[in-house]
Amino acid sequence: MASDLINADEVDRRFLWLTGTAEKLARRNKLPHYLLPDGGLRFQWAEVASMVRHIQPTAESVQRHTKS
């Protein structure tokens, strides 16, 4: 399982999120993650991808991403 874990930057990259988004969501317990003894975060891609697919975007987030 350890080799299946990815860091927050990789989650951000795969979802095309701003840098720091995955870490912020994890620290707010909004994203499944594993906390390392040194305080670092790791994610299992399948868990994160499954959860994000089931979240409906809010109207505000859609407007924010469609504005020119």
C-alpha atoms as a PDB file:
ATOM      1  CA  MET A   1       0.000   0.000   0.000  1.00  0.00           C
ATOM      2  CA  ALA A   2       2.826   2.444   0.747  1.00  0.00           C
ATOM      3  CA  SER A   3       3.796   2.491  -2.917  1.00  0.00           C
ATOM      4  CA  ASP A   4       0.189   3.352  -3.828  1.00  0.00           C
ATOM      5  CA  LEU A   5       0.288   6.573  -1.822  1.00  0.00           C
ATOM      6  CA  ILE A   6       0.821   9.939  -3.480  1.00  0.00           C
ATOM      7  CA  ASN A   7       1.525  13.362  -2.035  1.00  0.00           C
ATOM      8  CA  ALA A   8      -0.712  16.439  -2.068  1.00  0.00           C
ATOM      9  CA  ASP A   9       1.094  18.023  -5.013  1.00  0.00           C
ATOM     10  CA  GLU A  10       0.345  14.959  -7.133  1.00  0.00           C
ATOM     11  CA  VAL A  11      -3.356  15.080  -6.185  1.00  0.00           C
ATOM     12  CA  ASP A  12      -3.441  18.769  -7.158  1.00  0.00           C
ATOM     13  CA  ARG A  13      -1.720  17.981 -10.460  1.00  0.00           C
ATOM     14  CA  ARG A  14      -4.073  15.138 -11.372  1.00  0.00           C
ATOM     15  CA  PHE A  15      -7.194  17.205 -10.672  1.00  0.00           C
ATOM     16  CA  LEU A  16      -5.718  20.398 -12.154  1.00  0.00           C
ATOM     17  CA  TRP A  17      -6.268  22.111  -8.794  1.00  0.00           C
ATOM     18  CA  LEU A  18      -4.333  25.080  -7.497  1.00  0.00           C
ATOM     19  CA  THR A  19      -1.250  24.061  -5.522  1.00  0.00           C
ATOM     20  CA  GLY A  20      -2.181  23.501  -1.884  1.00  0.00           C
ATOM     21  CA  THR A  21      -5.829  22.590  -2.483  1.00  0.00           C
ATOM     22  CA  ALA A  22      -5.526  18.892  -1.603  1.00  0.00           C
ATOM     23  CA  GLU A  23      -3.569  19.677   1.554  1.00  0.00           C
ATOM     24  CA  LYS A  24      -6.108  22.281   2.640  1.00  0.00           C
ATOM     25  CA  LEU A  25      -9.023  19.900   2.049  1.00  0.00           C
ATOM     26  CA  ALA A  26      -7.278  17.071   3.892  1.00  0.00           C
ATOM     27  CA  ARG A  27      -6.485  19.221   6.918  1.00  0.00           C
ATOM     28  CA  ARG A  28     -10.187  20.162   7.047  1.00  0.00           C
ATOM     29  CA  ASN A  29     -11.045  16.423   6.875  1.00  0.00           C
ATOM     30  CA  LYS A  30     -12.818  16.895   3.544  1.00  0.00           C
ATOM     31  CA  LEU A  31     -10.503  14.530   1.656  1.00  0.00           C
ATOM     32  CA  PRO A  32      -9.407  11.021   2.731  1.00  0.00           C
ATOM     33  CA  HIS A  33      -5.734  11.015   3.661  1.00  0.00           C
ATOM     34  CA  TYR A  34      -3.018   9.434   5.779  1.00  0.00           C
ATOM     35  CA  LEU A  35      -1.099  11.533   8.272  1.00  0.00           C
ATOM     36  CA  LEU A  36       2.583  10.673   8.547  1.00  0.00           C
ATOM     37  CA  PRO A  37       4.515  10.875  11.856  1.00  0.00           C
ATOM     38  CA  ASP A  38       6.321  13.978  10.589  1.00  0.00           C
ATOM     39  CA  GLY A  39       2.993  15.716   9.838  1.00  0.00           C
ATOM     40  CA  GLY A  40       3.121  15.083   6.101  1.00  0.00           C
ATOM     41  CA  LEU A  41       0.079  13.936   4.184  1.00  0.00           C
ATOM     42  CA  ARG A  42      -0.307  11.096   1.714  1.00  0.00           C
ATOM     43  CA  PHE A  43      -3.308  10.055  -0.322  1.00  0.00           C
ATOM     44  CA  GLN A  44      -4.493   6.870  -1.963  1.00  0.00           C
ATOM     45  CA  TRP A  45      -5.535   7.929  -5.458  1.00  0.00           C
ATOM     46  CA  ALA A  46      -8.481   5.514  -5.719  1.00  0.00           C
ATOM     47  CA  GLU A  47     -10.014   6.830  -2.474  1.00  0.00           C
ATOM     48  CA  VAL A  48      -9.631  10.477  -3.442  1.00  0.00           C
ATOM     49  CA  ALA A  49     -10.828  10.021  -7.032  1.00  0.00           C
ATOM     50  CA  SER A  50     -13.883   8.061  -5.899  1.00  0.00           C
ATOM     51  CA  MET A  51     -14.855  10.701  -3.361  1.00  0.00           C
ATOM     52  CA  VAL A  52     -14.359  13.643  -5.710  1.00  0.00           C
ATOM     53  CA  ARG A  53     -16.448  11.967  -8.442  1.00  0.00           C
ATOM     54  CA  HIS A  54     -19.392  11.796  -6.034  1.00  0.00           C
ATOM     55  CA  ILE A  55     -19.315  15.461  -5.025  1.00  0.00           C
ATOM     56  CA  GLN A  56     -21.592  17.746  -7.003  1.00  0.00           C
ATOM     57  CA  PRO A  57     -20.040  21.104  -7.880  1.00  0.00           C
ATOM     58  CA  THR A  58     -21.744  24.111  -6.352  1.00  0.00           C
ATOM     59  CA  ALA A  59     -23.193  26.848  -8.555  1.00  0.00           C
ATOM     60  CA  GLU A  60     -20.569  29.227  -7.169  1.00  0.00           C
ATOM     61  CA  SER A  61     -17.673  26.978  -8.173  1.00  0.00           C
ATOM     62  CA  VAL A  62     -19.106  26.484 -11.661  1.00  0.00           C
ATOM     63  CA  GLN A  63     -19.463  30.255 -12.142  1.00  0.00           C
ATOM     64  CA  ARG A  64     -15.927  30.827 -10.900  1.00  0.00           C
ATOM     65  CA  HIS A  65     -14.503  28.374 -13.448  1.00  0.00           C
ATOM     66  CA  THR A  66     -16.580  29.592 -16.407  1.00  0.00           C
ATOM     67  CA  LYS A  67     -15.889  33.321 -16.109  1.00  0.00           C
ATOM     68  CA  SER A  68     -13.526  34.759 -18.699  1.00  0.00           C
END
